[in-house]
Amino acid sequence: YGLSVDGTGLVLDIRGYDDRQTVLLDRVLARLRDPALDPARFNVVKDRLTRLWNNFREERPFTQTASAVSYLMLSDQWPPELL
């Protein structure tokens, strides 16, 4: 399985065929519902992401434009200034 992030949120991908896929899916969803997070690590990632969003205003114009185009094309994507 794979877990990734795109402009619309988390993407959980289970490929292939196996009669135990539902068991795997249940286990992955259970871990996502009740994650074991280290508070210190969580704060490091949160601070890094907050800095990234705050620094977005300083990005090159074409980077900001590409982000705006993505936002306009994906109605369920949040622009950086609203995060």
PDB file of N, CA and C in Angstrom:
ATOM      1  N   TYR A   1       0.840  -1.180   0.000  1.00  0.00           N
ATOM      2  CA  TYR A   1       0.000   0.000   0.000  1.00  0.00           C
ATOM      3  C   TYR A   1       0.878   1.233   0.000  1.00  0.00           C
ATOM      4  N   GLY A   2       0.284   2.367  -0.294  1.00  0.00           N
ATOM      5  CA  GLY A   2       1.007   3.618  -0.276  1.00  0.00           C
ATOM      6  C   GLY A   2       0.146   4.712   0.324  1.00  0.00           C
ATOM      7  N   LEU A   3       0.781   5.627   1.010  1.00  0.00           N
ATOM      8  CA  LEU A   3       0.096   6.771   1.592  1.00  0.00           C
ATOM      9  C   LEU A   3       0.852   8.006   1.146  1.00  0.00           C
ATOM     10  N   SER A   4       0.146   8.928   0.510  1.00  0.00           N
ATOM     11  CA  SER A   4       0.788  10.139   0.012  1.00  0.00           C
ATOM     12  C   SER A   4      -0.154  11.318   0.203  1.00  0.00           C
ATOM     13  N   VAL A   5       0.344  12.482  -0.155  1.00  0.00           N
ATOM     14  CA  VAL A   5      -0.425  13.718  -0.026  1.00  0.00           C
ATOM     15  C   VAL A   5      -0.453  14.390  -1.381  1.00  0.00           C
ATOM     16  N   ASP A   6      -1.620  14.917  -1.762  1.00  0.00           N
ATOM     17  CA  ASP A   6      -1.697  15.746  -2.958  1.00  0.00           C
ATOM     18  C   ASP A   6      -2.463  17.009  -2.606  1.00  0.00           C
ATOM     19  N   GLY A   7      -2.817  17.791  -3.590  1.00  0.00           N
ATOM     20  CA  GLY A   7      -3.487  19.061  -3.346  1.00  0.00           C
ATOM     21  C   GLY A   7      -4.856  18.941  -2.715  1.00  0.00           C
ATOM     22  N   THR A   8      -5.419  17.758  -2.716  1.00  0.00           N
ATOM     23  CA  THR A   8      -6.762  17.582  -2.158  1.00  0.00           C
ATOM     24  C   THR A   8      -6.766  16.863  -0.819  1.00  0.00           C
ATOM     25  N   GLY A   9      -5.627  16.323  -0.386  1.00  0.00           N
ATOM     26  CA  GLY A   9      -5.568  15.654   0.913  1.00  0.00           C
ATOM     27  C   GLY A   9      -4.716  14.401   0.880  1.00  0.00           C
ATOM     28  N   LEU A  10      -5.011  13.476   1.792  1.00  0.00           N
ATOM     29  CA  LEU A  10      -4.288  12.208   1.860  1.00  0.00           C
ATOM     30  C   LEU A  10      -4.805  11.243   0.811  1.00  0.00           C
ATOM     31  N   VAL A  11      -3.890  10.473   0.247  1.00  0.00           N
ATOM     32  CA  VAL A  11      -4.253   9.464  -0.750  1.00  0.00           C
ATOM     33  C   VAL A  11      -3.762   8.115  -0.237  1.00  0.00           C
ATOM     34  N   LEU A  12      -4.681   7.193  -0.032  1.00  0.00           N
ATOM     35  CA  LEU A  12      -4.349   5.829   0.363  1.00  0.00           C
ATOM     36  C   LEU A  12      -4.548   4.955  -0.856  1.00  0.00           C
ATOM     37  N   ASP A  13      -3.488   4.249  -1.242  1.00  0.00           N
ATOM     38  CA  ASP A  13      -3.503   3.465  -2.468  1.00  0.00           C
ATOM     39  C   ASP A  13      -3.197   2.011  -2.134  1.00  0.00           C
ATOM     40  N   ILE A  14      -4.141   1.122  -2.445  1.00  0.00           N
ATOM     41  CA  ILE A  14      -3.932  -0.311  -2.275  1.00  0.00           C
ATOM     42  C   ILE A  14      -4.087  -0.932  -3.650  1.00  0.00           C
ATOM     43  N   ARG A  15      -3.037  -1.608  -4.121  1.00  0.00           N
ATOM     44  CA  ARG A  15      -3.033  -2.151  -5.484  1.00  0.00           C
ATOM     45  C   ARG A  15      -3.001  -3.669  -5.473  1.00  0.00           C
ATOM     46  N   GLY A  16      -3.304  -4.205  -6.645  1.00  0.00           N
ATOM     47  CA  GLY A  16      -3.254  -5.650  -6.804  1.00  0.00           C
ATOM     48  C   GLY A  16      -4.513  -6.311  -6.282  1.00  0.00           C
ATOM     49  N   TYR A  17      -4.486  -7.625  -6.241  1.00  0.00           N
ATOM     50  CA  TYR A  17      -5.637  -8.346  -5.719  1.00  0.00           C
ATOM     51  C   TYR A  17      -5.163  -9.364  -4.700  1.00  0.00           C
ATOM     52  N   ASP A  18      -5.807  -9.339  -3.570  1.00  0.00           N
ATOM     53  CA  ASP A  18      -5.576 -10.326  -2.528  1.00  0.00           C
ATOM     54  C   ASP A  18      -6.835 -10.345  -1.675  1.00  0.00           C
ATOM     55  N   ASP A  19      -7.264 -11.516  -1.293  1.00  0.00           N
ATOM     56  CA  ASP A  19      -8.495 -11.608  -0.512  1.00  0.00           C
ATOM     57  C   ASP A  19      -8.336 -11.017   0.887  1.00  0.00           C
ATOM     58  N   ARG A  20      -7.107 -10.677   1.281  1.00  0.00           N
ATOM     59  CA  ARG A  20      -6.878 -10.070   2.598  1.00  0.00           C
ATOM     60  C   ARG A  20      -6.718  -8.554   2.529  1.00  0.00           C
ATOM     61  N   GLN A  21      -7.014  -7.951   1.396  1.00  0.00           N
ATOM     62  CA  GLN A  21      -6.877  -6.497   1.279  1.00  0.00           C
ATOM     63  C   GLN A  21      -7.764  -5.770   2.276  1.00  0.00           C
ATOM     64  N   THR A  22      -8.938  -6.295   2.544  1.00  0.00           N
ATOM     65  CA  THR A  22      -9.825  -5.626   3.507  1.00  0.00           C
ATOM     66  C   THR A  22      -9.210  -5.626   4.906  1.00  0.00           C
ATOM     67  N   VAL A  23      -8.480  -6.684   5.253  1.00  0.00           N
ATOM     68  CA  VAL A  23      -7.797  -6.732   6.551  1.00  0.00           C
ATOM     69  C   VAL A  23      -6.716  -5.656   6.598  1.00  0.00           C
ATOM     70  N   LEU A  24      -5.933  -5.557   5.529  1.00  0.00           N
ATOM     71  CA  LEU A  24      -4.899  -4.524   5.445  1.00  0.00           C
ATOM     72  C   LEU A  24      -5.522  -3.139   5.530  1.00  0.00           C
ATOM     73  N   LEU A  25      -6.583  -2.916   4.779  1.00  0.00           N
ATOM     74  CA  LEU A  25      -7.252  -1.617   4.794  1.00  0.00           C
ATOM     75  C   LEU A  25      -7.745  -1.278   6.194  1.00  0.00           C
ATOM     76  N   ASP A  26      -8.361  -2.230   6.881  1.00  0.00           N
ATOM     77  CA  ASP A  26      -8.846  -1.987   8.244  1.00  0.00           C
ATOM     78  C   ASP A  26      -7.705  -1.612   9.181  1.00  0.00           C
ATOM     79  N   ARG A  27      -6.567  -2.290   9.056  1.00  0.00           N
ATOM     80  CA  ARG A  27      -5.418  -1.995   9.921  1.00  0.00           C
ATOM     81  C   ARG A  27      -4.838  -0.612   9.640  1.00  0.00           C
ATOM     82  N   VAL A  28      -4.708  -0.281   8.366  1.00  0.00           N
ATOM     83  CA  VAL A  28      -4.167   1.039   8.006  1.00  0.00           C
ATOM     84  C   VAL A  28      -5.106   2.141   8.483  1.00  0.00           C
ATOM     85  N   LEU A  29      -6.398   1.978   8.269  1.00  0.00           N
ATOM     86  CA  LEU A  29      -7.361   2.991   8.707  1.00  0.00           C
ATOM     87  C   LEU A  29      -7.384   3.128  10.224  1.00  0.00           C
ATOM     88  N   ALA A  30      -7.228   2.020  10.944  1.00  0.00           N
ATOM     89  CA  ALA A  30      -7.173   2.081  12.407  1.00  0.00           C
ATOM     90  C   ALA A  30      -5.967   2.897  12.865  1.00  0.00           C
ATOM     91  N   ARG A  31      -4.820   2.709  12.205  1.00  0.00           N
ATOM     92  CA  ARG A  31      -3.621   3.481  12.564  1.00  0.00           C
ATOM     93  C   ARG A  31      -3.783   4.956  12.217  1.00  0.00           C
ATOM     94  N   LEU A  32      -4.485   5.242  11.120  1.00  0.00           N
ATOM     95  CA  LEU A  32      -4.719   6.640  10.747  1.00  0.00           C
ATOM     96  C   LEU A  32      -5.686   7.313  11.715  1.00  0.00           C
ATOM     97  N   ARG A  33      -6.659   6.559  12.213  1.00  0.00           N
ATOM     98  CA  ARG A  33      -7.621   7.123  13.165  1.00  0.00           C
ATOM     99  C   ARG A  33      -6.988   7.398  14.518  1.00  0.00           C
ATOM    100  N   ASP A  34      -6.052   6.572  14.929  1.00  0.00           N
ATOM    101  CA  ASP A  34      -5.426   6.694  16.245  1.00  0.00           C
ATOM    102  C   ASP A  34      -3.907   6.603  16.094  1.00  0.00           C
ATOM    103  N   PRO A  35      -3.290   7.651  15.533  1.00  0.00           N
ATOM    104  CA  PRO A  35      -1.850   7.583  15.271  1.00  0.00           C
ATOM    105  C   PRO A  35      -1.033   7.697  16.564  1.00  0.00           C
ATOM    106  N   ALA A  36       0.094   7.037  16.583  1.00  0.00           N
ATOM    107  CA  ALA A  36       1.037   7.147  17.701  1.00  0.00           C
ATOM    108  C   ALA A  36       2.047   8.232  17.329  1.00  0.00           C
ATOM    109  N   LEU A  37       1.774   9.456  17.768  1.00  0.00           N
ATOM    110  CA  LEU A  37       2.625  10.588  17.402  1.00  0.00           C
ATOM    111  C   LEU A  37       3.538  10.974  18.551  1.00  0.00           C
ATOM    112  N   ASP A  38       4.792  11.215  18.233  1.00  0.00           N
ATOM    113  CA  ASP A  38       5.735  11.756  19.196  1.00  0.00           C
ATOM    114  C   ASP A  38       5.520  13.268  19.227  1.00  0.00           C
ATOM    115  N   PRO A  39       5.116  13.830  20.373  1.00  0.00           N
ATOM    116  CA  PRO A  39       4.814  15.271  20.428  1.00  0.00           C
ATOM    117  C   PRO A  39       5.970  16.157  19.972  1.00  0.00           C
ATOM    118  N   ALA A  40       7.191  15.796  20.309  1.00  0.00           N
ATOM    119  CA  ALA A  40       8.339  16.618  19.901  1.00  0.00           C
ATOM    120  C   ALA A  40       8.501  16.601  18.388  1.00  0.00           C
ATOM    121  N   ARG A  41       8.398  15.432  17.786  1.00  0.00           N
ATOM    122  CA  ARG A  41       8.520  15.316  16.322  1.00  0.00           C
ATOM    123  C   ARG A  41       7.374  16.050  15.639  1.00  0.00           C
ATOM    124  N   PHE A  42       6.161  15.920  16.189  1.00  0.00           N
ATOM    125  CA  PHE A  42       5.002  16.610  15.633  1.00  0.00           C
ATOM    126  C   PHE A  42       5.244  18.116  15.607  1.00  0.00           C
ATOM    127  N   ASN A  43       5.777  18.668  16.702  1.00  0.00           N
ATOM    128  CA  ASN A  43       6.028  20.110  16.761  1.00  0.00           C
ATOM    129  C   ASN A  43       7.093  20.548  15.765  1.00  0.00           C
ATOM    130  N   VAL A  44       8.112  19.723  15.545  1.00  0.00           N
ATOM    131  CA  VAL A  44       9.148  20.044  14.556  1.00  0.00           C
ATOM    132  C   VAL A  44       8.533  20.119  13.160  1.00  0.00           C
ATOM    133  N   VAL A  45       7.733  19.121  12.809  1.00  0.00           N
ATOM    134  CA  VAL A  45       7.100  19.095  11.485  1.00  0.00           C
ATOM    135  C   VAL A  45       6.114  20.251  11.349  1.00  0.00           C
ATOM    136  N   LYS A  46       5.348  20.511  12.394  1.00  0.00           N
ATOM    137  CA  LYS A  46       4.378  21.617  12.373  1.00  0.00           C
ATOM    138  C   LYS A  46       5.084  22.957  12.168  1.00  0.00           C
ATOM    139  N   ASP A  47       6.175  23.192  12.896  1.00  0.00           N
ATOM    140  CA  ASP A  47       6.920  24.447  12.750  1.00  0.00           C
ATOM    141  C   ASP A  47       7.507  24.591  11.351  1.00  0.00           C
ATOM    142  N   ARG A  48       8.044  23.499  10.815  1.00  0.00           N
ATOM    143  CA  ARG A  48       8.614  23.533   9.463  1.00  0.00           C
ATOM    144  C   ARG A  48       7.539  23.874   8.429  1.00  0.00           C
ATOM    145  N   LEU A  49       6.385  23.251   8.558  1.00  0.00           N
ATOM    146  CA  LEU A  49       5.294  23.502   7.623  1.00  0.00           C
ATOM    147  C   LEU A  49       4.755  24.924   7.766  1.00  0.00           C
ATOM    148  N   THR A  50       4.649  25.411   8.991  1.00  0.00           N
ATOM    149  CA  THR A  50       4.194  26.787   9.219  1.00  0.00           C
ATOM    150  C   THR A  50       5.155  27.784   8.584  1.00  0.00           C
ATOM    151  N   ARG A  51       6.466  27.557   8.738  1.00  0.00           N
ATOM    152  CA  ARG A  51       7.458  28.440   8.097  1.00  0.00           C
ATOM    153  C   ARG A  51       7.340  28.392   6.581  1.00  0.00           C
ATOM    154  N   LEU A  52       7.137  27.195   6.044  1.00  0.00           N
ATOM    155  CA  LEU A  52       6.990  27.042   4.597  1.00  0.00           C
ATOM    156  C   LEU A  52       5.798  27.848   4.092  1.00  0.00           C
ATOM    157  N   TRP A  53       4.665  27.733   4.782  1.00  0.00           N
ATOM    158  CA  TRP A  53       3.474  28.481   4.366  1.00  0.00           C
ATOM    159  C   TRP A  53       3.677  29.986   4.515  1.00  0.00           C
ATOM    160  N   ASN A  54       4.308  30.409   5.613  1.00  0.00           N
ATOM    161  CA  ASN A  54       4.536  31.839   5.826  1.00  0.00           C
ATOM    162  C   ASN A  54       5.527  32.414   4.815  1.00  0.00           C
ATOM    163  N   ASN A  55       6.488  31.617   4.385  1.00  0.00           N
ATOM    164  CA  ASN A  55       7.484  32.086   3.418  1.00  0.00           C
ATOM    165  C   ASN A  55       6.978  32.048   1.977  1.00  0.00           C
ATOM    166  N   PHE A  56       5.808  31.494   1.768  1.00  0.00           N
ATOM    167  CA  PHE A  56       5.290  31.380   0.411  1.00  0.00           C
ATOM    168  C   PHE A  56       5.175  32.746  -0.265  1.00  0.00           C
ATOM    169  N   ARG A  57       4.869  33.786   0.507  1.00  0.00           N
ATOM    170  CA  ARG A  57       4.734  35.134  -0.058  1.00  0.00           C
ATOM    171  C   ARG A  57       6.045  35.631  -0.677  1.00  0.00           C
ATOM    172  N   GLU A  58       7.158  35.049  -0.252  1.00  0.00           N
ATOM    173  CA  GLU A  58       8.475  35.456  -0.749  1.00  0.00           C
ATOM    174  C   GLU A  58       8.930  34.630  -1.953  1.00  0.00           C
ATOM    175  N   GLU A  59       8.131  33.666  -2.360  1.00  0.00           N
ATOM    176  CA  GLU A  59       8.496  32.818  -3.506  1.00  0.00           C
ATOM    177  C   GLU A  59       8.513  33.641  -4.794  1.00  0.00           C
ATOM    178  N   ARG A  60       9.175  33.091  -5.806  1.00  0.00           N
ATOM    179  CA  ARG A  60       9.223  33.753  -7.109  1.00  0.00           C
ATOM    180  C   ARG A  60       7.816  33.849  -7.696  1.00  0.00           C
ATOM    181  N   PRO A  61       7.560  34.879  -8.485  1.00  0.00           N
ATOM    182  CA  PRO A  61       6.215  35.083  -9.031  1.00  0.00           C
ATOM    183  C   PRO A  61       5.664  33.885  -9.799  1.00  0.00           C
ATOM    184  N   PHE A  62       6.506  33.202 -10.594  1.00  0.00           N
ATOM    185  CA  PHE A  62       5.963  32.084 -11.367  1.00  0.00           C
ATOM    186  C   PHE A  62       5.561  30.923 -10.452  1.00  0.00           C
ATOM    187  N   THR A  63       6.223  30.777  -9.303  1.00  0.00           N
ATOM    188  CA  THR A  63       5.837  29.743  -8.341  1.00  0.00           C
ATOM    189  C   THR A  63       4.485  30.077  -7.729  1.00  0.00           C
ATOM    190  N   GLN A  64       4.293  31.339  -7.385  1.00  0.00           N
ATOM    191  CA  GLN A  64       3.007  31.767  -6.831  1.00  0.00           C
ATOM    192  C   GLN A  64       1.898  31.625  -7.867  1.00  0.00           C
ATOM    193  N   THR A  65       2.219  31.919  -9.121  1.00  0.00           N
ATOM    194  CA  THR A  65       1.227  31.791 -10.191  1.00  0.00           C
ATOM    195  C   THR A  65       0.824  30.339 -10.390  1.00  0.00           C
ATOM    196  N   ALA A  66       1.783  29.440 -10.398  1.00  0.00           N
ATOM    197  CA  ALA A  66       1.474  28.013 -10.560  1.00  0.00           C
ATOM    198  C   ALA A  66       0.588  27.523  -9.424  1.00  0.00           C
ATOM    199  N   SER A  67       0.853  27.990  -8.225  1.00  0.00           N
ATOM    200  CA  SER A  67       0.027  27.610  -7.083  1.00  0.00           C
ATOM    201  C   SER A  67      -1.391  28.154  -7.236  1.00  0.00           C
ATOM    202  N   ALA A  68      -1.507  29.394  -7.693  1.00  0.00           N
ATOM    203  CA  ALA A  68      -2.829  29.997  -7.884  1.00  0.00           C
ATOM    204  C   ALA A  68      -3.618  29.259  -8.955  1.00  0.00           C
ATOM    205  N   VAL A  69      -2.955  28.854 -10.030  1.00  0.00           N
ATOM    206  CA  VAL A  69      -3.630  28.106 -11.096  1.00  0.00           C
ATOM    207  C   VAL A  69      -4.130  26.767 -10.556  1.00  0.00           C
ATOM    208  N   SER A  70      -3.303  26.080  -9.782  1.00  0.00           N
ATOM    209  CA  SER A  70      -3.728  24.810  -9.183  1.00  0.00           C
ATOM    210  C   SER A  70      -4.934  25.021  -8.281  1.00  0.00           C
ATOM    211  N   TYR A  71      -4.900  26.077  -7.489  1.00  0.00           N
ATOM    212  CA  TYR A  71      -6.018  26.383  -6.595  1.00  0.00           C
ATOM    213  C   TYR A  71      -7.297  26.623  -7.391  1.00  0.00           C
ATOM    214  N   LEU A  72      -7.185  27.347  -8.486  1.00  0.00           N
ATOM    215  CA  LEU A  72      -8.367  27.643  -9.296  1.00  0.00           C
ATOM    216  C   LEU A  72      -8.915  26.400  -9.992  1.00  0.00           C
ATOM    217  N   MET A  73      -8.029  25.485 -10.363  1.00  0.00           N
ATOM    218  CA  MET A  73      -8.473  24.288 -11.079  1.00  0.00           C
ATOM    219  C   MET A  73      -8.989  23.197 -10.141  1.00  0.00           C
ATOM    220  N   LEU A  74      -8.526  23.187  -8.908  1.00  0.00           N
ATOM    221  CA  LEU A  74      -8.971  22.196  -7.927  1.00  0.00           C
ATOM    222  C   LEU A  74      -9.772  22.923  -6.859  1.00  0.00           C
ATOM    223  N   SER A  75     -11.076  22.856  -6.961  1.00  0.00           N
ATOM    224  CA  SER A  75     -11.922  23.646  -6.072  1.00  0.00           C
ATOM    225  C   SER A  75     -11.800  23.232  -4.610  1.00  0.00           C
ATOM    226  N   ASP A  76     -11.321  22.016  -4.323  1.00  0.00           N
ATOM    227  CA  ASP A  76     -11.215  21.590  -2.932  1.00  0.00           C
ATOM    228  C   ASP A  76      -9.795  21.719  -2.380  1.00  0.00           C
ATOM    229  N   GLN A  77      -8.963  22.522  -3.021  1.00  0.00           N
ATOM    230  CA  GLN A  77      -7.600  22.762  -2.553  1.00  0.00           C
ATOM    231  C   GLN A  77      -7.556  24.117  -1.859  1.00  0.00           C
ATOM    232  N   TRP A  78      -6.872  24.185  -0.726  1.00  0.00           N
ATOM    233  CA  TRP A  78      -6.771  25.424   0.034  1.00  0.00           C
ATOM    234  C   TRP A  78      -5.544  26.217  -0.405  1.00  0.00           C
ATOM    235  N   PRO A  79      -5.688  27.531  -0.613  1.00  0.00           N
ATOM    236  CA  PRO A  79      -4.517  28.352  -0.929  1.00  0.00           C
ATOM    237  C   PRO A  79      -3.667  28.538   0.333  1.00  0.00           C
ATOM    238  N   PRO A  80      -2.358  28.754   0.180  1.00  0.00           N
ATOM    239  CA  PRO A  80      -1.467  28.866   1.346  1.00  0.00           C
ATOM    240  C   PRO A  80      -1.904  29.919   2.359  1.00  0.00           C
ATOM    241  N   GLU A  81      -2.436  31.034   1.900  1.00  0.00           N
ATOM    242  CA  GLU A  81      -2.796  32.096   2.847  1.00  0.00           C
ATOM    243  C   GLU A  81      -3.984  31.727   3.731  1.00  0.00           C
ATOM    244  N   LEU A  82      -4.735  30.695   3.374  1.00  0.00           N
ATOM    245  CA  LEU A  82      -5.865  30.268   4.201  1.00  0.00           C
ATOM    246  C   LEU A  82      -5.534  29.064   5.079  1.00  0.00           C
ATOM    247  N   LEU A  83      -4.311  28.550   4.980  1.00  0.00           N
ATOM    248  CA  LEU A  83      -3.940  27.377   5.785  1.00  0.00           C
ATOM    249  C   LEU A  83      -3.535  27.782   7.177  1.00  0.00           C
TER     250      LEU A  83
END
